[in-house]
Amino acid sequence: MEPIRRHRAGARSPPAALGRSPPPDGARSVYPPREDTLLLAKFARVPRGSTLLEIGTGSGEAALIAAHRGARVVATDLNPHALLQLAARARADGVVLSLVRTDLARGLGRFDRVLANPPYLPTRPAERDPDRWHNIALDGGPDGCRVTARLVRELPDHLLPGGEAFVVVSSLQRSSGLDRIRSRWTRQGGVIEVADSRDLEGETLFAWRLARGGP
């Protein structure tokens, strides 16, 4: 059976990589920089010495930007190829970051800023890509919100007081699912707003800014 090759809308030709070093050979197993990458990367420009966590780093563009600015960076992914390639790029760039293979941010502490571009394509079981790593990068469950909901639910465990998170969401996700995620966050006293957006052909991408409520 041929793999289901699915692309995020409007992302058929990836833009030039944002980091200083090019991805190493074998990058086909890793989600490449796309328009959603560009949308998230601007929020990696953090002050020197601050702490930043990128969940599901993929190509690692945002993590590299923050590391070049002198932030203390932790990047996670379930895809071992992504972590190996990011380690090679960090060495080539002469920057230091910590790489952790884990599910979202399991086992990690709290940070000044958290960045995430979770898989958001609505995907029924029959549509799953037989390539495990491609599917992990794209499969958001039937409504596209499965991973986003879990990520936001766990965010309070990973944000320092005064910290903030930036999460990519898409108009392709079911609006009722996104509404439930927003409502849950605000019921806990959190703040959520659209920090930026990007219109593509047949899709709009949003960068949500989330801040904790209470101590």
N, C-alpha and C. Protein backbone atom coordinates (compact mmCIF):
# COMPACT_ATOMS: atom_id res chain seq x y z
N MET A 1 0.85 -1.20 0.00
CA MET A 1 0.00 0.00 0.00
C MET A 1 0.87 1.24 0.00
N GLU A 2 0.57 2.19 -0.86
CA GLU A 2 1.32 3.43 -0.93
C GLU A 2 1.04 4.29 0.30
N PRO A 3 2.07 4.95 0.85
CA PRO A 3 1.85 5.85 1.99
C PRO A 3 0.91 6.98 1.60
N ILE A 4 0.16 7.45 2.59
CA ILE A 4 -0.70 8.61 2.39
C ILE A 4 0.17 9.85 2.57
N ARG A 5 0.52 10.52 1.49
CA ARG A 5 1.39 11.69 1.59
C ARG A 5 0.52 12.93 1.69
N ARG A 6 0.42 13.44 2.88
CA ARG A 6 -0.46 14.58 3.14
C ARG A 6 0.40 15.77 3.53
N HIS A 7 0.00 16.93 3.06
CA HIS A 7 0.74 18.14 3.36
C HIS A 7 -0.19 19.14 4.01
N ARG A 8 0.33 19.95 4.91
CA ARG A 8 -0.46 21.03 5.46
C ARG A 8 -0.75 22.00 4.33
N ALA A 9 -1.97 22.54 4.33
CA ALA A 9 -2.40 23.38 3.22
C ALA A 9 -1.43 24.53 3.02
N GLY A 10 -1.11 24.80 1.75
CA GLY A 10 -0.27 25.93 1.43
C GLY A 10 1.20 25.71 1.72
N ALA A 11 1.60 24.47 2.02
CA ALA A 11 2.99 24.24 2.41
C ALA A 11 3.68 23.25 1.48
N ARG A 12 3.43 23.37 0.19
CA ARG A 12 3.95 22.39 -0.74
C ARG A 12 5.42 22.62 -1.06
N SER A 13 5.90 23.85 -0.94
CA SER A 13 7.31 24.15 -1.16
C SER A 13 7.87 24.79 0.09
N PRO A 14 8.66 24.06 0.87
CA PRO A 14 9.12 24.62 2.13
C PRO A 14 10.00 25.83 1.91
N PRO A 15 9.87 26.87 2.76
CA PRO A 15 10.76 28.01 2.66
C PRO A 15 12.16 27.64 3.11
N ALA A 16 13.09 28.52 2.85
CA ALA A 16 14.47 28.29 3.26
C ALA A 16 14.53 28.10 4.77
N ALA A 17 15.44 27.23 5.21
CA ALA A 17 15.58 26.96 6.64
C ALA A 17 15.92 28.24 7.39
N LEU A 18 15.44 28.33 8.63
CA LEU A 18 15.63 29.53 9.42
C LEU A 18 16.94 29.50 10.19
N GLY A 19 17.43 28.32 10.53
CA GLY A 19 18.68 28.22 11.27
C GLY A 19 19.87 28.52 10.38
N ARG A 20 21.04 28.65 10.97
CA ARG A 20 22.23 28.99 10.21
C ARG A 20 22.78 27.80 9.45
N SER A 21 22.61 26.61 9.97
CA SER A 21 23.13 25.42 9.30
C SER A 21 22.00 24.69 8.58
N PRO A 22 22.28 24.07 7.43
CA PRO A 22 21.25 23.32 6.72
C PRO A 22 20.97 22.00 7.41
N PRO A 23 19.77 21.44 7.20
CA PRO A 23 19.50 20.12 7.77
C PRO A 23 20.45 19.08 7.18
N PRO A 24 20.90 18.12 7.96
CA PRO A 24 21.79 17.07 7.43
C PRO A 24 21.03 16.11 6.54
N ASP A 25 21.79 15.22 5.91
CA ASP A 25 21.17 14.22 5.05
C ASP A 25 20.22 13.35 5.88
N GLY A 26 19.22 12.78 5.22
CA GLY A 26 18.26 11.92 5.91
C GLY A 26 17.11 12.69 6.51
N ALA A 27 16.90 13.94 6.07
CA ALA A 27 15.86 14.77 6.68
C ALA A 27 14.46 14.35 6.29
N ARG A 28 14.31 13.36 5.43
CA ARG A 28 12.97 12.95 4.98
C ARG A 28 12.14 12.40 6.12
N SER A 29 12.77 11.93 7.18
CA SER A 29 12.03 11.39 8.32
C SER A 29 11.56 12.48 9.28
N VAL A 30 11.89 13.73 9.00
CA VAL A 30 11.61 14.83 9.91
C VAL A 30 10.74 15.87 9.20
N TYR A 31 9.73 16.36 9.92
CA TYR A 31 8.86 17.40 9.35
C TYR A 31 9.70 18.63 9.02
N PRO A 32 9.70 19.08 7.75
CA PRO A 32 10.57 20.19 7.35
C PRO A 32 9.97 21.54 7.71
N PRO A 33 10.78 22.60 7.66
CA PRO A 33 10.24 23.94 7.93
C PRO A 33 9.14 24.29 6.93
N ARG A 34 8.00 24.74 7.45
CA ARG A 34 6.86 25.14 6.64
C ARG A 34 6.35 26.48 7.14
N GLU A 35 5.20 26.89 6.61
CA GLU A 35 4.65 28.18 7.01
C GLU A 35 4.32 28.22 8.50
N ASP A 36 3.89 27.08 9.06
CA ASP A 36 3.62 27.07 10.50
C ASP A 36 4.91 27.21 11.31
N THR A 37 6.02 26.69 10.76
CA THR A 37 7.32 26.88 11.40
C THR A 37 7.67 28.36 11.46
N LEU A 38 7.49 29.06 10.34
CA LEU A 38 7.79 30.48 10.28
C LEU A 38 6.93 31.27 11.28
N LEU A 39 5.67 30.88 11.40
CA LEU A 39 4.77 31.58 12.32
C LEU A 39 5.25 31.44 13.76
N LEU A 40 5.72 30.26 14.13
CA LEU A 40 6.13 30.02 15.50
C LEU A 40 7.51 30.59 15.80
N ALA A 41 8.38 30.60 14.79
CA ALA A 41 9.79 30.93 15.04
C ALA A 41 9.98 32.34 15.58
N LYS A 42 9.13 33.27 15.22
CA LYS A 42 9.31 34.64 15.69
C LYS A 42 9.22 34.74 17.21
N PHE A 43 8.54 33.79 17.83
CA PHE A 43 8.38 33.82 19.29
C PHE A 43 9.54 33.14 20.01
N ALA A 44 10.53 32.68 19.23
CA ALA A 44 11.75 32.11 19.83
C ALA A 44 12.78 33.18 20.14
N ARG A 45 12.50 34.42 19.80
CA ARG A 45 13.45 35.51 20.05
C ARG A 45 13.27 36.01 21.48
N VAL A 46 13.92 35.32 22.38
CA VAL A 46 13.76 35.55 23.82
C VAL A 46 15.04 36.16 24.38
N PRO A 47 14.98 36.78 25.57
CA PRO A 47 16.18 37.39 26.16
C PRO A 47 17.24 36.34 26.52
N ARG A 48 18.49 36.75 26.46
CA ARG A 48 19.60 35.90 26.87
C ARG A 48 19.40 35.46 28.32
N GLY A 49 19.65 34.18 28.57
CA GLY A 49 19.54 33.65 29.91
C GLY A 49 18.16 33.14 30.29
N SER A 50 17.15 33.43 29.47
CA SER A 50 15.81 32.92 29.77
C SER A 50 15.74 31.44 29.39
N THR A 51 14.72 30.76 29.90
CA THR A 51 14.57 29.34 29.62
C THR A 51 13.44 29.13 28.62
N LEU A 52 13.68 28.27 27.65
CA LEU A 52 12.70 28.01 26.59
C LEU A 52 12.59 26.52 26.33
N LEU A 53 11.37 26.06 26.22
CA LEU A 53 11.07 24.67 25.87
C LEU A 53 10.34 24.66 24.54
N GLU A 54 10.87 23.89 23.58
CA GLU A 54 10.12 23.66 22.34
C GLU A 54 9.64 22.21 22.35
N ILE A 55 8.32 22.04 22.36
CA ILE A 55 7.70 20.71 22.39
C ILE A 55 7.47 20.24 20.96
N GLY A 56 7.93 19.04 20.65
CA GLY A 56 7.78 18.53 19.29
C GLY A 56 8.61 19.36 18.32
N THR A 57 9.90 19.42 18.55
CA THR A 57 10.76 20.37 17.86
C THR A 57 10.87 20.14 16.37
N GLY A 58 10.76 18.88 15.90
CA GLY A 58 10.87 18.63 14.46
C GLY A 58 12.22 19.07 13.94
N SER A 59 12.24 19.98 12.97
CA SER A 59 13.48 20.47 12.38
C SER A 59 14.30 21.30 13.34
N GLY A 60 13.67 21.79 14.43
CA GLY A 60 14.40 22.50 15.46
C GLY A 60 14.69 23.95 15.17
N GLU A 61 14.01 24.54 14.20
CA GLU A 61 14.31 25.92 13.83
C GLU A 61 14.12 26.89 15.01
N ALA A 62 13.01 26.79 15.71
CA ALA A 62 12.76 27.71 16.82
C ALA A 62 13.78 27.50 17.93
N ALA A 63 14.07 26.25 18.23
CA ALA A 63 15.05 25.95 19.27
C ALA A 63 16.41 26.55 18.94
N LEU A 64 16.83 26.47 17.68
CA LEU A 64 18.11 27.02 17.27
C LEU A 64 18.13 28.54 17.38
N ILE A 65 17.04 29.18 16.99
CA ILE A 65 16.97 30.64 17.10
C ILE A 65 17.15 31.07 18.54
N ALA A 66 16.44 30.42 19.45
CA ALA A 66 16.55 30.77 20.88
C ALA A 66 17.95 30.50 21.41
N ALA A 67 18.55 29.39 20.99
CA ALA A 67 19.90 29.06 21.46
C ALA A 67 20.92 30.09 20.98
N HIS A 68 20.77 30.54 19.74
CA HIS A 68 21.68 31.56 19.22
C HIS A 68 21.54 32.88 19.98
N ARG A 69 20.40 33.12 20.59
CA ARG A 69 20.20 34.34 21.37
C ARG A 69 20.66 34.20 22.82
N GLY A 70 21.18 33.04 23.16
CA GLY A 70 21.70 32.85 24.49
C GLY A 70 20.71 32.31 25.50
N ALA A 71 19.58 31.82 25.04
CA ALA A 71 18.61 31.21 25.95
C ALA A 71 19.06 29.81 26.32
N ARG A 72 18.56 29.34 27.46
CA ARG A 72 18.78 27.95 27.86
C ARG A 72 17.62 27.14 27.31
N VAL A 73 17.90 26.30 26.34
CA VAL A 73 16.87 25.68 25.51
C VAL A 73 16.80 24.18 25.76
N VAL A 74 15.57 23.69 25.90
CA VAL A 74 15.29 22.26 25.89
C VAL A 74 14.33 22.00 24.74
N ALA A 75 14.63 21.00 23.91
CA ALA A 75 13.78 20.64 22.78
C ALA A 75 13.40 19.18 22.90
N THR A 76 12.11 18.88 22.71
CA THR A 76 11.65 17.50 22.82
C THR A 76 11.07 17.01 21.50
N ASP A 77 11.09 15.71 21.33
CA ASP A 77 10.41 15.07 20.21
C ASP A 77 10.36 13.58 20.47
N LEU A 78 9.35 12.92 19.92
CA LEU A 78 9.32 11.47 19.94
C LEU A 78 10.13 10.86 18.80
N ASN A 79 10.37 11.65 17.76
CA ASN A 79 11.08 11.16 16.58
C ASN A 79 12.59 11.22 16.83
N PRO A 80 13.25 10.06 16.93
CA PRO A 80 14.69 10.09 17.21
C PRO A 80 15.50 10.72 16.09
N HIS A 81 15.00 10.62 14.84
CA HIS A 81 15.70 11.22 13.71
C HIS A 81 15.74 12.74 13.86
N ALA A 82 14.64 13.32 14.35
CA ALA A 82 14.60 14.77 14.55
C ALA A 82 15.65 15.19 15.57
N LEU A 83 15.77 14.46 16.66
CA LEU A 83 16.72 14.84 17.70
C LEU A 83 18.16 14.66 17.23
N LEU A 84 18.44 13.60 16.50
CA LEU A 84 19.79 13.39 15.98
C LEU A 84 20.18 14.49 15.01
N GLN A 85 19.27 14.86 14.14
CA GLN A 85 19.57 15.91 13.17
C GLN A 85 19.73 17.27 13.85
N LEU A 86 18.89 17.55 14.84
CA LEU A 86 19.02 18.82 15.55
C LEU A 86 20.33 18.87 16.32
N ALA A 87 20.74 17.76 16.91
CA ALA A 87 22.03 17.73 17.61
C ALA A 87 23.17 18.05 16.65
N ALA A 88 23.11 17.51 15.44
CA ALA A 88 24.16 17.78 14.46
C ALA A 88 24.15 19.25 14.05
N ARG A 89 22.98 19.82 13.88
CA ARG A 89 22.90 21.23 13.47
C ARG A 89 23.39 22.14 14.60
N ALA A 90 23.07 21.79 15.84
CA ALA A 90 23.53 22.60 16.96
C ALA A 90 25.06 22.57 17.05
N ARG A 91 25.66 21.40 16.86
CA ARG A 91 27.12 21.30 16.87
C ARG A 91 27.72 22.15 15.75
N ALA A 92 27.12 22.07 14.57
CA ALA A 92 27.63 22.85 13.45
C ALA A 92 27.52 24.35 13.70
N ASP A 93 26.48 24.75 14.41
CA ASP A 93 26.28 26.17 14.71
C ASP A 93 27.03 26.64 15.94
N GLY A 94 27.58 25.70 16.71
CA GLY A 94 28.32 26.06 17.90
C GLY A 94 27.44 26.54 19.04
N VAL A 95 26.21 26.01 19.13
CA VAL A 95 25.32 26.39 20.21
C VAL A 95 24.99 25.16 21.06
N VAL A 96 24.55 25.43 22.28
CA VAL A 96 24.25 24.35 23.22
C VAL A 96 22.75 24.34 23.49
N LEU A 97 22.14 23.19 23.38
CA LEU A 97 20.76 22.98 23.81
C LEU A 97 20.61 21.55 24.28
N SER A 98 19.58 21.31 25.07
CA SER A 98 19.32 19.98 25.61
C SER A 98 18.21 19.32 24.81
N LEU A 99 18.41 18.08 24.44
CA LEU A 99 17.45 17.34 23.64
C LEU A 99 16.91 16.17 24.46
N VAL A 100 15.59 16.03 24.47
CA VAL A 100 14.94 15.00 25.26
C VAL A 100 13.93 14.27 24.39
N ARG A 101 14.06 12.96 24.32
CA ARG A 101 13.05 12.17 23.62
C ARG A 101 11.95 11.82 24.63
N THR A 102 10.80 12.45 24.49
CA THR A 102 9.71 12.23 25.43
C THR A 102 8.40 12.59 24.75
N ASP A 103 7.31 12.18 25.37
CA ASP A 103 5.97 12.50 24.87
C ASP A 103 5.60 13.90 25.36
N LEU A 104 5.48 14.84 24.43
CA LEU A 104 5.25 16.25 24.75
C LEU A 104 6.35 16.73 25.70
N ALA A 105 6.02 17.03 26.97
CA ALA A 105 7.04 17.53 27.90
C ALA A 105 7.11 16.66 29.14
N ARG A 106 6.73 15.42 29.03
CA ARG A 106 6.70 14.52 30.19
C ARG A 106 8.06 14.45 30.87
N GLY A 107 8.05 14.65 32.18
CA GLY A 107 9.26 14.54 32.97
C GLY A 107 10.07 15.82 33.07
N LEU A 108 9.61 16.89 32.42
CA LEU A 108 10.36 18.14 32.44
C LEU A 108 9.72 19.14 33.39
N GLY A 109 10.49 20.18 33.72
CA GLY A 109 10.04 21.18 34.68
C GLY A 109 9.35 22.35 34.02
N ARG A 110 9.61 23.56 34.58
CA ARG A 110 8.92 24.77 34.13
C ARG A 110 9.88 25.73 33.45
N PHE A 111 9.33 26.54 32.54
CA PHE A 111 10.14 27.39 31.69
C PHE A 111 9.51 28.78 31.58
N ASP A 112 10.35 29.74 31.17
CA ASP A 112 9.83 31.09 30.91
C ASP A 112 8.94 31.11 29.68
N ARG A 113 9.29 30.31 28.68
CA ARG A 113 8.49 30.28 27.46
C ARG A 113 8.44 28.86 26.92
N VAL A 114 7.26 28.50 26.44
CA VAL A 114 7.05 27.20 25.81
C VAL A 114 6.53 27.45 24.39
N LEU A 115 7.09 26.76 23.42
CA LEU A 115 6.66 26.83 22.03
C LEU A 115 6.22 25.45 21.57
N ALA A 116 5.16 25.40 20.77
CA ALA A 116 4.71 24.11 20.25
C ALA A 116 3.94 24.29 18.96
N ASN A 117 4.22 23.41 18.02
CA ASN A 117 3.48 23.32 16.76
C ASN A 117 2.97 21.88 16.66
N PRO A 118 1.93 21.55 17.45
CA PRO A 118 1.49 20.16 17.52
C PRO A 118 0.80 19.71 16.22
N PRO A 119 0.73 18.42 15.98
CA PRO A 119 0.00 17.93 14.80
C PRO A 119 -1.46 18.34 14.87
N TYR A 120 -1.98 18.96 13.79
CA TYR A 120 -3.33 19.50 13.83
C TYR A 120 -4.21 19.10 12.65
N LEU A 121 -3.70 18.25 11.76
CA LEU A 121 -4.54 17.85 10.64
C LEU A 121 -5.61 16.85 11.10
N PRO A 122 -6.89 17.12 10.85
CA PRO A 122 -7.93 16.13 11.15
C PRO A 122 -7.62 14.83 10.41
N THR A 123 -7.59 13.72 11.14
CA THR A 123 -7.15 12.46 10.55
C THR A 123 -7.99 11.32 11.09
N ARG A 124 -8.74 10.65 10.22
CA ARG A 124 -9.46 9.45 10.62
C ARG A 124 -8.49 8.26 10.57
N PRO A 125 -8.82 7.17 11.28
CA PRO A 125 -7.90 6.03 11.30
C PRO A 125 -7.46 5.56 9.91
N ALA A 126 -8.39 5.55 8.95
CA ALA A 126 -8.05 5.08 7.61
C ALA A 126 -7.11 6.03 6.88
N GLU A 127 -6.97 7.25 7.37
CA GLU A 127 -6.13 8.25 6.71
C GLU A 127 -4.73 8.33 7.30
N ARG A 128 -4.47 7.57 8.34
CA ARG A 128 -3.16 7.65 8.97
C ARG A 128 -2.05 7.24 7.99
N ASP A 129 -0.97 7.97 8.03
CA ASP A 129 0.17 7.65 7.19
C ASP A 129 0.86 6.41 7.75
N PRO A 130 1.10 5.40 6.93
CA PRO A 130 1.77 4.20 7.43
C PRO A 130 3.21 4.45 7.88
N ASP A 131 3.79 5.57 7.46
CA ASP A 131 5.10 5.96 7.98
C ASP A 131 4.90 6.56 9.36
N ARG A 132 5.41 5.90 10.39
CA ARG A 132 5.15 6.31 11.78
C ARG A 132 5.55 7.75 12.04
N TRP A 133 6.71 8.15 11.55
CA TRP A 133 7.22 9.48 11.88
C TRP A 133 6.46 10.57 11.14
N HIS A 134 6.08 10.29 9.89
CA HIS A 134 5.24 11.26 9.17
C HIS A 134 3.90 11.42 9.89
N ASN A 135 3.33 10.31 10.33
CA ASN A 135 2.02 10.37 10.96
C ASN A 135 2.07 11.13 12.29
N ILE A 136 3.11 10.91 13.09
CA ILE A 136 3.23 11.61 14.36
C ILE A 136 3.26 13.12 14.15
N ALA A 137 3.87 13.57 13.06
CA ALA A 137 4.01 15.00 12.81
C ALA A 137 2.71 15.65 12.34
N LEU A 138 1.77 14.86 11.82
CA LEU A 138 0.60 15.44 11.17
C LEU A 138 -0.73 15.08 11.80
N ASP A 139 -0.84 13.92 12.42
CA ASP A 139 -2.11 13.34 12.84
C ASP A 139 -2.63 14.00 14.12
N GLY A 140 -3.69 14.82 13.96
CA GLY A 140 -4.32 15.47 15.10
C GLY A 140 -5.57 14.78 15.58
N GLY A 141 -5.81 13.54 15.13
CA GLY A 141 -7.05 12.86 15.51
C GLY A 141 -8.21 13.30 14.63
N PRO A 142 -9.39 12.72 14.82
CA PRO A 142 -10.53 13.00 13.94
C PRO A 142 -10.90 14.47 13.83
N ASP A 143 -10.74 15.25 14.92
CA ASP A 143 -11.10 16.66 14.86
C ASP A 143 -9.88 17.58 14.76
N GLY A 144 -8.69 16.99 14.70
CA GLY A 144 -7.47 17.77 14.63
C GLY A 144 -7.01 18.34 15.95
N CYS A 145 -7.76 18.11 17.02
CA CYS A 145 -7.50 18.76 18.31
C CYS A 145 -6.93 17.83 19.37
N ARG A 146 -6.75 16.57 19.07
CA ARG A 146 -6.39 15.60 20.11
C ARG A 146 -5.09 15.98 20.81
N VAL A 147 -4.05 16.24 20.06
CA VAL A 147 -2.75 16.55 20.68
C VAL A 147 -2.76 17.95 21.28
N THR A 148 -3.38 18.90 20.58
CA THR A 148 -3.45 20.27 21.10
C THR A 148 -4.14 20.31 22.45
N ALA A 149 -5.23 19.57 22.60
CA ALA A 149 -5.96 19.56 23.86
C ALA A 149 -5.10 19.01 24.99
N ARG A 150 -4.39 17.95 24.73
CA ARG A 150 -3.54 17.36 25.77
C ARG A 150 -2.39 18.29 26.12
N LEU A 151 -1.80 18.90 25.11
CA LEU A 151 -0.69 19.82 25.34
C LEU A 151 -1.11 20.99 26.22
N VAL A 152 -2.25 21.61 25.88
CA VAL A 152 -2.71 22.77 26.66
C VAL A 152 -3.11 22.34 28.07
N ARG A 153 -3.69 21.16 28.22
CA ARG A 153 -4.08 20.67 29.54
C ARG A 153 -2.86 20.52 30.45
N GLU A 154 -1.71 20.17 29.87
CA GLU A 154 -0.50 19.95 30.66
C GLU A 154 0.36 21.19 30.80
N LEU A 155 0.02 22.27 30.11
CA LEU A 155 0.86 23.47 30.12
C LEU A 155 1.13 24.04 31.51
N PRO A 156 0.14 24.08 32.43
CA PRO A 156 0.43 24.66 33.75
C PRO A 156 1.60 24.00 34.47
N ASP A 157 1.88 22.75 34.15
CA ASP A 157 3.00 22.05 34.78
C ASP A 157 4.35 22.49 34.23
N HIS A 158 4.34 23.28 33.13
CA HIS A 158 5.59 23.59 32.45
C HIS A 158 5.83 25.09 32.25
N LEU A 159 4.99 25.93 32.87
CA LEU A 159 5.17 27.37 32.77
C LEU A 159 5.53 27.95 34.14
N LEU A 160 6.60 28.73 34.17
CA LEU A 160 6.95 29.46 35.37
C LEU A 160 5.95 30.60 35.61
N PRO A 161 5.82 31.08 36.83
CA PRO A 161 5.00 32.28 37.05
C PRO A 161 5.47 33.41 36.13
N GLY A 162 4.54 34.03 35.44
CA GLY A 162 4.88 35.06 34.47
C GLY A 162 5.29 34.51 33.12
N GLY A 163 5.35 33.19 32.99
CA GLY A 163 5.71 32.59 31.72
C GLY A 163 4.57 32.59 30.73
N GLU A 164 4.88 32.27 29.50
CA GLU A 164 3.86 32.24 28.45
C GLU A 164 4.21 31.17 27.44
N ALA A 165 3.16 30.69 26.75
CA ALA A 165 3.32 29.67 25.73
C ALA A 165 2.74 30.19 24.42
N PHE A 166 3.33 29.75 23.32
CA PHE A 166 2.82 30.05 21.99
C PHE A 166 2.60 28.74 21.26
N VAL A 167 1.36 28.51 20.84
CA VAL A 167 0.95 27.24 20.26
C VAL A 167 0.29 27.50 18.91
N VAL A 168 0.70 26.76 17.89
CA VAL A 168 0.11 26.89 16.56
C VAL A 168 -1.18 26.08 16.48
N VAL A 169 -2.25 26.73 15.99
CA VAL A 169 -3.50 26.03 15.70
C VAL A 169 -3.93 26.42 14.28
N SER A 170 -4.91 25.71 13.76
CA SER A 170 -5.30 25.87 12.36
C SER A 170 -6.81 25.92 12.22
N SER A 171 -7.26 26.65 11.20
CA SER A 171 -8.69 26.68 10.87
C SER A 171 -9.17 25.32 10.37
N LEU A 172 -8.26 24.40 10.04
CA LEU A 172 -8.66 23.06 9.63
C LEU A 172 -9.16 22.24 10.81
N GLN A 173 -8.77 22.60 12.01
CA GLN A 173 -9.24 21.89 13.20
C GLN A 173 -10.71 22.22 13.44
N ARG A 174 -11.42 21.29 14.06
CA ARG A 174 -12.84 21.52 14.32
C ARG A 174 -12.99 22.66 15.33
N SER A 175 -13.82 23.63 14.98
CA SER A 175 -13.95 24.83 15.82
C SER A 175 -14.48 24.49 17.20
N SER A 176 -15.37 23.50 17.31
CA SER A 176 -15.91 23.14 18.61
C SER A 176 -14.82 22.58 19.52
N GLY A 177 -13.87 21.85 18.94
CA GLY A 177 -12.76 21.32 19.72
C GLY A 177 -11.85 22.43 20.21
N LEU A 178 -11.58 23.41 19.36
CA LEU A 178 -10.76 24.55 19.77
C LEU A 178 -11.47 25.37 20.84
N ASP A 179 -12.78 25.50 20.70
CA ASP A 179 -13.55 26.24 21.72
C ASP A 179 -13.44 25.57 23.08
N ARG A 180 -13.49 24.25 23.11
CA ARG A 180 -13.39 23.54 24.39
C ARG A 180 -12.01 23.75 25.02
N ILE A 181 -10.98 23.76 24.19
CA ILE A 181 -9.62 23.98 24.70
C ILE A 181 -9.51 25.37 25.30
N ARG A 182 -10.02 26.37 24.59
CA ARG A 182 -9.98 27.74 25.10
C ARG A 182 -10.76 27.87 26.40
N SER A 183 -11.96 27.28 26.43
CA SER A 183 -12.81 27.40 27.62
C SER A 183 -12.16 26.76 28.84
N ARG A 184 -11.55 25.62 28.66
CA ARG A 184 -10.89 24.94 29.78
C ARG A 184 -9.77 25.81 30.33
N TRP A 185 -8.99 26.43 29.44
CA TRP A 185 -7.87 27.26 29.89
C TRP A 185 -8.37 28.49 30.65
N THR A 186 -9.37 29.16 30.12
CA THR A 186 -9.85 30.38 30.78
C THR A 186 -10.59 30.06 32.08
N ARG A 187 -11.26 28.90 32.16
CA ARG A 187 -11.91 28.52 33.43
C ARG A 187 -10.90 28.36 34.55
N GLN A 188 -9.68 28.02 34.20
CA GLN A 188 -8.61 27.87 35.19
C GLN A 188 -7.97 29.22 35.51
N GLY A 189 -8.51 30.29 34.94
CA GLY A 189 -7.97 31.61 35.20
C GLY A 189 -6.89 32.05 34.23
N GLY A 190 -6.63 31.24 33.22
CA GLY A 190 -5.59 31.58 32.26
C GLY A 190 -6.04 32.60 31.24
N VAL A 191 -5.07 33.18 30.58
CA VAL A 191 -5.31 34.16 29.52
C VAL A 191 -4.92 33.53 28.19
N ILE A 192 -5.76 33.70 27.18
CA ILE A 192 -5.46 33.17 25.85
C ILE A 192 -5.87 34.20 24.81
N GLU A 193 -5.00 34.41 23.83
CA GLU A 193 -5.27 35.39 22.78
C GLU A 193 -4.53 34.99 21.51
N VAL A 194 -4.94 35.54 20.39
CA VAL A 194 -4.24 35.30 19.12
C VAL A 194 -3.09 36.29 19.02
N ALA A 195 -1.87 35.77 19.00
CA ALA A 195 -0.69 36.63 18.93
C ALA A 195 -0.30 36.95 17.50
N ASP A 196 -0.64 36.07 16.56
CA ASP A 196 -0.32 36.30 15.15
C ASP A 196 -1.11 35.30 14.32
N SER A 197 -1.19 35.55 13.04
CA SER A 197 -1.89 34.63 12.14
C SER A 197 -1.28 34.73 10.75
N ARG A 198 -1.57 33.73 9.95
CA ARG A 198 -1.05 33.69 8.58
C ARG A 198 -2.10 33.02 7.71
N ASP A 199 -2.55 33.71 6.66
CA ASP A 199 -3.54 33.17 5.74
C ASP A 199 -2.83 32.40 4.63
N LEU A 200 -3.30 31.17 4.41
CA LEU A 200 -2.81 30.33 3.34
C LEU A 200 -3.97 29.99 2.42
N GLU A 201 -3.69 29.27 1.36
CA GLU A 201 -4.74 28.84 0.46
C GLU A 201 -5.60 27.77 1.15
N GLY A 202 -6.82 28.12 1.49
CA GLY A 202 -7.74 27.17 2.11
C GLY A 202 -7.53 26.97 3.59
N GLU A 203 -6.71 27.78 4.23
CA GLU A 203 -6.40 27.56 5.65
C GLU A 203 -5.89 28.86 6.26
N THR A 204 -6.17 29.06 7.52
CA THR A 204 -5.53 30.13 8.29
C THR A 204 -4.84 29.51 9.49
N LEU A 205 -3.59 29.89 9.69
CA LEU A 205 -2.84 29.46 10.86
C LEU A 205 -2.87 30.55 11.91
N PHE A 206 -2.93 30.15 13.18
CA PHE A 206 -2.94 31.10 14.29
C PHE A 206 -1.85 30.70 15.28
N ALA A 207 -1.23 31.68 15.88
CA ALA A 207 -0.35 31.44 17.02
C ALA A 207 -1.08 31.93 18.25
N TRP A 208 -1.49 30.98 19.08
CA TRP A 208 -2.13 31.33 20.35
C TRP A 208 -1.06 31.68 21.38
N ARG A 209 -1.33 32.74 22.13
CA ARG A 209 -0.50 33.04 23.31
C ARG A 209 -1.30 32.65 24.55
N LEU A 210 -0.71 31.83 25.40
CA LEU A 210 -1.37 31.39 26.63
C LEU A 210 -0.50 31.77 27.83
N ALA A 211 -1.12 32.35 28.83
CA ALA A 211 -0.43 32.70 30.07
C ALA A 211 -1.20 32.11 31.24
N ARG A 212 -0.47 31.73 32.26
CA ARG A 212 -1.09 31.11 33.43
C ARG A 212 -1.88 32.10 34.25
N GLY A 213 -2.90 31.59 34.92
CA GLY A 213 -3.60 32.38 35.91
C GLY A 213 -3.18 31.94 37.30
N GLY A 214 -3.16 32.85 38.25
CA GLY A 214 -2.83 32.50 39.62
C GLY A 214 -1.35 32.29 39.81
N PRO A 215 -0.93 31.83 41.00
CA PRO A 215 0.49 31.67 41.32
C PRO A 215 1.12 30.52 40.57
